[in-house]
Amino acid sequence: IPYCTKLHLSLETVKRAKELGAIGIKDSSGDMFYMYTLLNEFKDSSDFSIMTGTELFLSDTVIQGGHGAVPGGANLFPRLFVALYEASVAKDIKKIAVLREQVMKINNTIYNVGNFSSKITKGIKCGLSVMNICNDYMAFPFRKFESVEREQIKKFVEEFNNVE
């Protein structure tokens, strides 16, 4: 994740990694131009997978020849992301549009609590906690959400589950 690591893999680096035996890449840069560059470069490489870590890019990635996504939101709502993947494979644009709206809702609610660069990770962990899947422990230097933010996440998860 470039914004966390401050490291961006150039196309030349990815090509070299493939030569050395890498079997794919998961790009979480959020840069659609870079994703299209990867997809174009490796479109004829059946032994090299292109995955996105940016949930909103899942459909575009699959439709353009990529292999899928590693979406954090799938920890919370796996059916949504499986349905989005399947609609993308089928190139069902109408269904993709409906499902993408739900992904946008996650981005605009659960991932948008607090003023921290770690708010997506904190939102996922807190969401899993309010769903009684795991606790919301965060390793230092991160800290879990306090009660106000936790209640916001709980409300968002409940609202989303009522729609799903």
N, C-alpha and C. Protein backbone atom coordinates (compact mmCIF):
# COMPACT_ATOMS: atom_id res chain seq x y z
N ILE A 1 0.87 -1.17 0.00
CA ILE A 1 0.00 0.00 0.00
C ILE A 1 0.91 1.23 0.00
N PRO A 2 1.08 1.85 -1.15
CA PRO A 2 2.04 2.94 -1.26
C PRO A 2 1.89 4.06 -0.24
N TYR A 3 0.65 4.43 0.13
CA TYR A 3 0.53 5.53 1.08
C TYR A 3 1.02 5.13 2.47
N CYS A 4 1.09 3.84 2.76
CA CYS A 4 1.63 3.38 4.04
C CYS A 4 3.15 3.16 3.97
N THR A 5 3.59 2.59 2.87
CA THR A 5 5.00 2.22 2.74
C THR A 5 5.87 3.29 2.12
N LYS A 6 5.22 4.26 1.46
CA LYS A 6 5.93 5.30 0.71
C LYS A 6 6.77 4.69 -0.42
N LEU A 7 6.32 3.54 -0.92
CA LEU A 7 7.02 2.82 -1.97
C LEU A 7 6.04 2.50 -3.10
N HIS A 8 6.40 2.87 -4.30
CA HIS A 8 5.59 2.57 -5.47
C HIS A 8 6.43 1.70 -6.38
N LEU A 9 5.89 0.56 -6.79
CA LEU A 9 6.62 -0.34 -7.68
C LEU A 9 6.46 0.10 -9.12
N SER A 10 7.56 0.44 -9.75
CA SER A 10 7.51 0.83 -11.15
C SER A 10 7.16 -0.39 -12.00
N LEU A 11 6.72 -0.14 -13.20
CA LEU A 11 6.42 -1.23 -14.13
C LEU A 11 7.68 -2.08 -14.35
N GLU A 12 8.82 -1.44 -14.47
CA GLU A 12 10.08 -2.17 -14.66
C GLU A 12 10.37 -3.09 -13.47
N THR A 13 10.09 -2.64 -12.27
CA THR A 13 10.31 -3.46 -11.07
C THR A 13 9.37 -4.67 -11.08
N VAL A 14 8.12 -4.45 -11.45
CA VAL A 14 7.15 -5.56 -11.50
C VAL A 14 7.56 -6.56 -12.58
N LYS A 15 8.01 -6.07 -13.73
CA LYS A 15 8.46 -6.97 -14.79
C LYS A 15 9.66 -7.79 -14.32
N ARG A 16 10.58 -7.16 -13.61
CA ARG A 16 11.75 -7.87 -13.10
C ARG A 16 11.33 -8.90 -12.05
N ALA A 17 10.40 -8.54 -11.20
CA ALA A 17 9.91 -9.48 -10.19
C ALA A 17 9.31 -10.71 -10.85
N LYS A 18 8.57 -10.51 -11.93
CA LYS A 18 8.01 -11.64 -12.68
C LYS A 18 9.13 -12.51 -13.23
N GLU A 19 10.15 -11.90 -13.79
CA GLU A 19 11.30 -12.67 -14.30
C GLU A 19 11.95 -13.50 -13.21
N LEU A 20 11.93 -12.98 -11.99
CA LEU A 20 12.56 -13.68 -10.85
C LEU A 20 11.64 -14.71 -10.20
N GLY A 21 10.39 -14.81 -10.71
CA GLY A 21 9.49 -15.84 -10.21
C GLY A 21 8.22 -15.37 -9.54
N ALA A 22 7.99 -14.07 -9.45
CA ALA A 22 6.73 -13.58 -8.87
C ALA A 22 5.57 -14.08 -9.73
N ILE A 23 4.48 -14.43 -9.09
CA ILE A 23 3.33 -14.97 -9.82
C ILE A 23 2.18 -13.97 -9.94
N GLY A 24 2.39 -12.77 -9.42
CA GLY A 24 1.35 -11.76 -9.55
C GLY A 24 1.64 -10.55 -8.70
N ILE A 25 0.70 -9.61 -8.77
CA ILE A 25 0.80 -8.38 -7.99
C ILE A 25 -0.59 -7.99 -7.52
N LYS A 26 -0.65 -7.49 -6.30
CA LYS A 26 -1.86 -6.84 -5.80
C LYS A 26 -1.52 -5.37 -5.69
N ASP A 27 -2.21 -4.56 -6.46
CA ASP A 27 -1.94 -3.12 -6.44
C ASP A 27 -2.97 -2.41 -5.58
N SER A 28 -2.49 -1.69 -4.57
CA SER A 28 -3.37 -0.91 -3.70
C SER A 28 -3.06 0.57 -3.79
N SER A 29 -2.52 0.98 -4.92
CA SER A 29 -2.13 2.39 -5.08
C SER A 29 -3.34 3.31 -5.21
N GLY A 30 -4.46 2.79 -5.70
CA GLY A 30 -5.61 3.64 -5.97
C GLY A 30 -5.46 4.44 -7.25
N ASP A 31 -4.47 4.08 -8.04
CA ASP A 31 -4.16 4.77 -9.29
C ASP A 31 -4.65 3.90 -10.46
N MET A 32 -5.79 4.27 -11.02
CA MET A 32 -6.38 3.46 -12.09
C MET A 32 -5.48 3.43 -13.34
N PHE A 33 -4.79 4.52 -13.64
CA PHE A 33 -3.89 4.52 -14.79
C PHE A 33 -2.79 3.46 -14.61
N TYR A 34 -2.24 3.38 -13.40
CA TYR A 34 -1.21 2.38 -13.11
C TYR A 34 -1.81 0.97 -13.25
N MET A 35 -3.04 0.78 -12.77
CA MET A 35 -3.68 -0.53 -12.87
C MET A 35 -3.85 -0.90 -14.34
N TYR A 36 -4.32 0.02 -15.15
CA TYR A 36 -4.46 -0.26 -16.59
C TYR A 36 -3.10 -0.55 -17.24
N THR A 37 -2.07 0.13 -16.79
CA THR A 37 -0.72 -0.13 -17.30
C THR A 37 -0.30 -1.57 -16.99
N LEU A 38 -0.55 -2.01 -15.76
CA LEU A 38 -0.24 -3.39 -15.38
C LEU A 38 -1.05 -4.38 -16.21
N LEU A 39 -2.34 -4.12 -16.33
CA LEU A 39 -3.22 -5.02 -17.08
C LEU A 39 -2.77 -5.13 -18.54
N ASN A 40 -2.40 -4.02 -19.13
CA ASN A 40 -1.95 -4.01 -20.51
C ASN A 40 -0.62 -4.75 -20.66
N GLU A 41 0.29 -4.51 -19.76
CA GLU A 41 1.63 -5.12 -19.85
C GLU A 41 1.58 -6.64 -19.72
N PHE A 42 0.73 -7.15 -18.83
CA PHE A 42 0.73 -8.58 -18.54
C PHE A 42 -0.49 -9.32 -19.10
N LYS A 43 -1.19 -8.70 -20.06
CA LYS A 43 -2.41 -9.30 -20.60
C LYS A 43 -2.17 -10.65 -21.27
N ASP A 44 -0.98 -10.89 -21.77
CA ASP A 44 -0.68 -12.16 -22.43
C ASP A 44 0.09 -13.12 -21.52
N SER A 45 0.18 -12.80 -20.25
CA SER A 45 0.92 -13.62 -19.29
C SER A 45 -0.07 -14.41 -18.43
N SER A 46 -0.45 -15.58 -18.88
CA SER A 46 -1.44 -16.38 -18.14
C SER A 46 -0.90 -16.87 -16.80
N ASP A 47 0.40 -16.77 -16.59
CA ASP A 47 1.01 -17.23 -15.35
C ASP A 47 1.28 -16.09 -14.36
N PHE A 48 0.71 -14.92 -14.61
CA PHE A 48 0.93 -13.76 -13.75
C PHE A 48 -0.42 -13.10 -13.46
N SER A 49 -0.79 -13.07 -12.20
CA SER A 49 -2.10 -12.53 -11.80
C SER A 49 -2.02 -11.06 -11.43
N ILE A 50 -3.05 -10.35 -11.82
CA ILE A 50 -3.19 -8.93 -11.47
C ILE A 50 -4.42 -8.82 -10.58
N MET A 51 -4.19 -8.35 -9.36
CA MET A 51 -5.27 -8.17 -8.39
C MET A 51 -5.27 -6.71 -7.95
N THR A 52 -6.44 -6.22 -7.59
CA THR A 52 -6.52 -4.87 -7.05
C THR A 52 -6.80 -4.95 -5.56
N GLY A 53 -6.28 -4.00 -4.83
CA GLY A 53 -6.60 -3.85 -3.42
C GLY A 53 -7.57 -2.69 -3.22
N THR A 54 -7.88 -1.99 -4.30
CA THR A 54 -8.82 -0.87 -4.25
C THR A 54 -10.19 -1.41 -4.64
N GLU A 55 -11.06 -1.50 -3.66
CA GLU A 55 -12.36 -2.17 -3.84
C GLU A 55 -13.15 -1.63 -5.03
N LEU A 56 -13.13 -0.33 -5.22
CA LEU A 56 -13.90 0.26 -6.31
C LEU A 56 -13.35 -0.09 -7.69
N PHE A 57 -12.13 -0.62 -7.74
CA PHE A 57 -11.51 -1.00 -9.01
C PHE A 57 -11.79 -2.46 -9.37
N LEU A 58 -12.46 -3.20 -8.51
CA LEU A 58 -12.66 -4.64 -8.74
C LEU A 58 -13.28 -4.90 -10.11
N SER A 59 -14.36 -4.26 -10.41
CA SER A 59 -15.05 -4.51 -11.68
C SER A 59 -14.19 -4.15 -12.88
N ASP A 60 -13.62 -2.97 -12.85
CA ASP A 60 -12.77 -2.55 -13.97
C ASP A 60 -11.59 -3.50 -14.15
N THR A 61 -11.00 -3.91 -13.04
CA THR A 61 -9.85 -4.82 -13.11
C THR A 61 -10.24 -6.13 -13.78
N VAL A 62 -11.34 -6.73 -13.35
CA VAL A 62 -11.78 -8.01 -13.91
C VAL A 62 -12.20 -7.86 -15.37
N ILE A 63 -12.99 -6.86 -15.66
CA ILE A 63 -13.46 -6.65 -17.03
C ILE A 63 -12.29 -6.44 -17.99
N GLN A 64 -11.24 -5.80 -17.52
CA GLN A 64 -10.09 -5.52 -18.36
C GLN A 64 -9.05 -6.64 -18.35
N GLY A 65 -9.39 -7.80 -17.76
CA GLY A 65 -8.50 -8.95 -17.83
C GLY A 65 -7.77 -9.29 -16.56
N GLY A 66 -7.99 -8.52 -15.51
CA GLY A 66 -7.38 -8.85 -14.22
C GLY A 66 -8.07 -10.04 -13.58
N HIS A 67 -7.56 -10.44 -12.44
CA HIS A 67 -8.01 -11.69 -11.85
C HIS A 67 -8.85 -11.54 -10.60
N GLY A 68 -8.96 -10.35 -10.05
CA GLY A 68 -9.79 -10.18 -8.88
C GLY A 68 -9.30 -9.08 -7.97
N ALA A 69 -9.64 -9.22 -6.70
CA ALA A 69 -9.32 -8.19 -5.71
C ALA A 69 -9.04 -8.83 -4.37
N VAL A 70 -8.42 -8.06 -3.52
CA VAL A 70 -8.24 -8.43 -2.12
C VAL A 70 -8.87 -7.27 -1.34
N PRO A 71 -10.20 -7.25 -1.30
CA PRO A 71 -10.90 -6.13 -0.68
C PRO A 71 -11.06 -6.30 0.83
N GLY A 72 -10.62 -5.30 1.57
CA GLY A 72 -10.77 -5.34 3.03
C GLY A 72 -12.22 -5.46 3.45
N GLY A 73 -13.11 -4.83 2.68
CA GLY A 73 -14.54 -4.88 3.00
C GLY A 73 -15.14 -6.27 2.91
N ALA A 74 -14.47 -7.19 2.21
CA ALA A 74 -14.96 -8.56 2.12
C ALA A 74 -14.89 -9.26 3.47
N ASN A 75 -14.07 -8.75 4.37
CA ASN A 75 -14.06 -9.30 5.74
C ASN A 75 -15.38 -9.03 6.44
N LEU A 76 -15.99 -7.90 6.10
CA LEU A 76 -17.26 -7.51 6.70
C LEU A 76 -18.46 -8.05 5.93
N PHE A 77 -18.40 -7.93 4.61
CA PHE A 77 -19.54 -8.25 3.76
C PHE A 77 -19.09 -9.14 2.59
N PRO A 78 -18.73 -10.37 2.86
CA PRO A 78 -18.18 -11.22 1.79
C PRO A 78 -19.14 -11.45 0.63
N ARG A 79 -20.43 -11.60 0.90
CA ARG A 79 -21.39 -11.84 -0.18
C ARG A 79 -21.42 -10.70 -1.19
N LEU A 80 -21.30 -9.48 -0.70
CA LEU A 80 -21.29 -8.31 -1.58
C LEU A 80 -20.14 -8.40 -2.58
N PHE A 81 -18.96 -8.74 -2.09
CA PHE A 81 -17.79 -8.74 -2.97
C PHE A 81 -17.76 -9.95 -3.89
N VAL A 82 -18.30 -11.07 -3.43
CA VAL A 82 -18.43 -12.22 -4.33
C VAL A 82 -19.41 -11.87 -5.44
N ALA A 83 -20.53 -11.26 -5.08
CA ALA A 83 -21.53 -10.87 -6.09
C ALA A 83 -20.94 -9.86 -7.08
N LEU A 84 -20.15 -8.92 -6.58
CA LEU A 84 -19.54 -7.93 -7.47
C LEU A 84 -18.53 -8.60 -8.40
N TYR A 85 -17.76 -9.54 -7.88
CA TYR A 85 -16.81 -10.27 -8.72
C TYR A 85 -17.56 -11.05 -9.80
N GLU A 86 -18.60 -11.77 -9.40
CA GLU A 86 -19.36 -12.57 -10.36
C GLU A 86 -20.03 -11.69 -11.43
N ALA A 87 -20.57 -10.56 -11.02
CA ALA A 87 -21.17 -9.64 -11.98
C ALA A 87 -20.11 -9.09 -12.94
N SER A 88 -18.91 -8.90 -12.43
CA SER A 88 -17.81 -8.39 -13.26
C SER A 88 -17.37 -9.43 -14.27
N VAL A 89 -17.26 -10.68 -13.85
CA VAL A 89 -16.90 -11.76 -14.77
C VAL A 89 -17.96 -11.87 -15.87
N ALA A 90 -19.22 -11.72 -15.48
CA ALA A 90 -20.32 -11.80 -16.43
C ALA A 90 -20.50 -10.51 -17.24
N LYS A 91 -19.77 -9.47 -16.86
CA LYS A 91 -19.87 -8.15 -17.50
C LYS A 91 -21.30 -7.62 -17.45
N ASP A 92 -21.96 -7.86 -16.31
CA ASP A 92 -23.33 -7.42 -16.08
C ASP A 92 -23.28 -5.99 -15.54
N ILE A 93 -23.25 -5.03 -16.43
CA ILE A 93 -23.05 -3.63 -16.09
C ILE A 93 -24.13 -3.09 -15.15
N LYS A 94 -25.37 -3.49 -15.35
CA LYS A 94 -26.45 -3.01 -14.47
C LYS A 94 -26.27 -3.51 -13.05
N LYS A 95 -25.94 -4.79 -12.91
CA LYS A 95 -25.74 -5.34 -11.57
C LYS A 95 -24.49 -4.74 -10.92
N ILE A 96 -23.44 -4.55 -11.72
CA ILE A 96 -22.22 -3.92 -11.21
C ILE A 96 -22.55 -2.54 -10.64
N ALA A 97 -23.35 -1.78 -11.34
CA ALA A 97 -23.71 -0.42 -10.89
C ALA A 97 -24.41 -0.46 -9.53
N VAL A 98 -25.34 -1.40 -9.35
CA VAL A 98 -26.06 -1.52 -8.08
C VAL A 98 -25.10 -1.92 -6.96
N LEU A 99 -24.26 -2.90 -7.23
CA LEU A 99 -23.32 -3.38 -6.21
C LEU A 99 -22.25 -2.34 -5.90
N ARG A 100 -21.81 -1.60 -6.91
CA ARG A 100 -20.81 -0.56 -6.69
C ARG A 100 -21.37 0.51 -5.75
N GLU A 101 -22.66 0.78 -5.84
CA GLU A 101 -23.29 1.75 -4.92
C GLU A 101 -23.13 1.27 -3.47
N GLN A 102 -23.26 -0.03 -3.25
CA GLN A 102 -23.09 -0.57 -1.91
C GLN A 102 -21.64 -0.44 -1.45
N VAL A 103 -20.70 -0.67 -2.35
CA VAL A 103 -19.29 -0.49 -2.01
C VAL A 103 -19.02 0.97 -1.69
N MET A 104 -19.62 1.88 -2.45
CA MET A 104 -19.48 3.31 -2.16
C MET A 104 -20.02 3.64 -0.78
N LYS A 105 -21.11 2.99 -0.41
CA LYS A 105 -21.68 3.23 0.92
C LYS A 105 -20.69 2.83 2.01
N ILE A 106 -20.00 1.73 1.82
CA ILE A 106 -18.97 1.31 2.79
C ILE A 106 -17.89 2.38 2.86
N ASN A 107 -17.44 2.85 1.71
CA ASN A 107 -16.40 3.88 1.66
C ASN A 107 -16.85 5.16 2.35
N ASN A 108 -18.10 5.53 2.16
CA ASN A 108 -18.60 6.79 2.69
C ASN A 108 -19.02 6.71 4.15
N THR A 109 -19.10 5.51 4.70
CA THR A 109 -19.54 5.37 6.09
C THR A 109 -18.43 4.70 6.92
N ILE A 110 -18.34 3.41 6.86
CA ILE A 110 -17.42 2.64 7.71
C ILE A 110 -15.98 3.08 7.53
N TYR A 111 -15.58 3.39 6.31
CA TYR A 111 -14.19 3.80 6.05
C TYR A 111 -13.96 5.29 6.26
N ASN A 112 -14.98 5.99 6.66
CA ASN A 112 -14.87 7.45 6.73
C ASN A 112 -15.12 7.99 8.13
N VAL A 113 -14.89 7.16 9.13
CA VAL A 113 -15.05 7.58 10.52
C VAL A 113 -13.69 8.02 11.06
N GLY A 114 -13.67 9.17 11.69
CA GLY A 114 -12.42 9.67 12.26
C GLY A 114 -11.57 10.44 11.27
N ASN A 115 -10.51 11.01 11.80
CA ASN A 115 -9.61 11.82 10.99
C ASN A 115 -8.21 11.21 10.95
N PHE A 116 -8.14 9.92 10.79
CA PHE A 116 -6.86 9.22 10.84
C PHE A 116 -6.54 8.64 9.48
N SER A 117 -5.27 8.58 9.14
CA SER A 117 -4.89 7.94 7.88
C SER A 117 -5.19 6.44 7.95
N SER A 118 -5.35 5.92 9.15
CA SER A 118 -5.64 4.50 9.37
C SER A 118 -7.13 4.21 9.49
N LYS A 119 -7.98 5.15 9.10
CA LYS A 119 -9.42 5.00 9.36
C LYS A 119 -10.04 3.82 8.62
N ILE A 120 -9.50 3.42 7.49
CA ILE A 120 -10.05 2.25 6.79
C ILE A 120 -9.76 0.99 7.60
N THR A 121 -8.52 0.83 8.02
CA THR A 121 -8.15 -0.34 8.83
C THR A 121 -8.91 -0.34 10.15
N LYS A 122 -8.99 0.81 10.79
CA LYS A 122 -9.71 0.91 12.06
C LYS A 122 -11.20 0.61 11.86
N GLY A 123 -11.76 1.09 10.74
CA GLY A 123 -13.17 0.84 10.46
C GLY A 123 -13.45 -0.64 10.26
N ILE A 124 -12.57 -1.33 9.54
CA ILE A 124 -12.75 -2.77 9.32
C ILE A 124 -12.64 -3.52 10.64
N LYS A 125 -11.58 -3.24 11.41
CA LYS A 125 -11.40 -3.92 12.69
C LYS A 125 -12.57 -3.66 13.63
N CYS A 126 -13.01 -2.43 13.71
CA CYS A 126 -14.12 -2.09 14.58
C CYS A 126 -15.41 -2.75 14.09
N GLY A 127 -15.62 -2.75 12.78
CA GLY A 127 -16.80 -3.41 12.21
C GLY A 127 -16.82 -4.89 12.53
N LEU A 128 -15.69 -5.54 12.41
CA LEU A 128 -15.60 -6.97 12.76
C LEU A 128 -15.89 -7.18 14.24
N SER A 129 -15.45 -6.24 15.06
CA SER A 129 -15.69 -6.34 16.49
C SER A 129 -17.17 -6.20 16.83
N VAL A 130 -17.84 -5.20 16.23
CA VAL A 130 -19.27 -5.03 16.54
C VAL A 130 -20.11 -6.18 15.98
N MET A 131 -19.53 -6.91 15.00
CA MET A 131 -20.21 -8.09 14.46
C MET A 131 -19.84 -9.35 15.25
N ASN A 132 -19.05 -9.17 16.31
CA ASN A 132 -18.60 -10.28 17.18
C ASN A 132 -17.79 -11.33 16.43
N ILE A 133 -17.01 -10.89 15.46
CA ILE A 133 -16.14 -11.80 14.71
C ILE A 133 -14.76 -11.86 15.35
N CYS A 134 -14.27 -10.72 15.79
CA CYS A 134 -12.98 -10.65 16.50
C CYS A 134 -12.98 -9.40 17.35
N ASN A 135 -11.91 -9.22 18.14
CA ASN A 135 -11.83 -7.98 18.91
C ASN A 135 -11.27 -6.87 18.03
N ASP A 136 -11.24 -5.67 18.56
CA ASP A 136 -10.77 -4.54 17.76
C ASP A 136 -9.39 -4.06 18.19
N TYR A 137 -8.60 -4.96 18.72
CA TYR A 137 -7.23 -4.62 19.13
C TYR A 137 -6.44 -4.12 17.93
N MET A 138 -5.70 -3.07 18.12
CA MET A 138 -4.84 -2.51 17.08
C MET A 138 -3.41 -2.45 17.63
N ALA A 139 -2.46 -2.94 16.87
CA ALA A 139 -1.07 -2.89 17.28
C ALA A 139 -0.56 -1.45 17.21
N PHE A 140 0.32 -1.10 18.14
CA PHE A 140 0.92 0.22 18.16
C PHE A 140 1.63 0.48 16.83
N PRO A 141 1.54 1.63 16.25
CA PRO A 141 1.12 2.90 16.84
C PRO A 141 -0.37 3.18 16.69
N PHE A 142 -1.12 2.24 16.15
CA PHE A 142 -2.55 2.44 15.97
C PHE A 142 -3.29 2.25 17.29
N ARG A 143 -4.44 2.86 17.37
CA ARG A 143 -5.31 2.69 18.53
C ARG A 143 -6.72 2.43 18.02
N LYS A 144 -7.44 1.58 18.74
CA LYS A 144 -8.82 1.29 18.34
C LYS A 144 -9.68 2.52 18.54
N PHE A 145 -10.83 2.50 17.87
CA PHE A 145 -11.77 3.61 18.01
C PHE A 145 -12.30 3.68 19.43
N GLU A 146 -12.56 4.87 19.87
CA GLU A 146 -13.20 5.10 21.17
C GLU A 146 -14.71 4.90 21.01
N SER A 147 -15.45 5.06 22.10
CA SER A 147 -16.88 4.71 22.10
C SER A 147 -17.71 5.48 21.08
N VAL A 148 -17.43 6.76 20.87
CA VAL A 148 -18.23 7.55 19.92
C VAL A 148 -18.08 6.98 18.50
N GLU A 149 -16.82 6.76 18.09
CA GLU A 149 -16.58 6.22 16.75
C GLU A 149 -17.11 4.80 16.64
N ARG A 150 -16.94 4.02 17.70
CA ARG A 150 -17.41 2.63 17.70
C ARG A 150 -18.93 2.59 17.49
N GLU A 151 -19.65 3.48 18.13
CA GLU A 151 -21.11 3.55 17.95
C GLU A 151 -21.48 3.93 16.52
N GLN A 152 -20.70 4.82 15.91
CA GLN A 152 -20.94 5.19 14.51
C GLN A 152 -20.77 3.96 13.61
N ILE A 153 -19.69 3.22 13.83
CA ILE A 153 -19.43 2.02 13.03
C ILE A 153 -20.54 1.01 13.24
N LYS A 154 -20.94 0.82 14.49
CA LYS A 154 -22.01 -0.14 14.79
C LYS A 154 -23.29 0.23 14.05
N LYS A 155 -23.64 1.51 14.06
CA LYS A 155 -24.83 1.99 13.35
C LYS A 155 -24.71 1.72 11.85
N PHE A 156 -23.55 2.03 11.28
CA PHE A 156 -23.34 1.82 9.84
C PHE A 156 -23.44 0.34 9.47
N VAL A 157 -22.84 -0.52 10.28
CA VAL A 157 -22.88 -1.97 10.01
C VAL A 157 -24.31 -2.47 10.08
N GLU A 158 -25.05 -2.04 11.10
CA GLU A 158 -26.45 -2.45 11.23
C GLU A 158 -27.28 -1.97 10.04
N GLU A 159 -27.07 -0.72 9.63
CA GLU A 159 -27.80 -0.20 8.47
C GLU A 159 -27.48 -1.01 7.21
N PHE A 160 -26.21 -1.30 7.04
CA PHE A 160 -25.79 -2.05 5.86
C PHE A 160 -26.37 -3.46 5.88
N ASN A 161 -26.35 -4.11 7.02
CA ASN A 161 -26.88 -5.48 7.12
C ASN A 161 -28.38 -5.51 6.89
N ASN A 162 -29.08 -4.42 7.16
CA ASN A 162 -30.52 -4.36 6.90
C ASN A 162 -30.82 -4.24 5.41
N VAL A 163 -29.83 -3.77 4.63
CA VAL A 163 -30.00 -3.62 3.19
C VAL A 163 -29.53 -4.88 2.47
N GLU A 164 -28.42 -5.46 2.95
CA GLU A 164 -27.79 -6.58 2.24
C GLU A 164 -28.68 -7.78 2.10
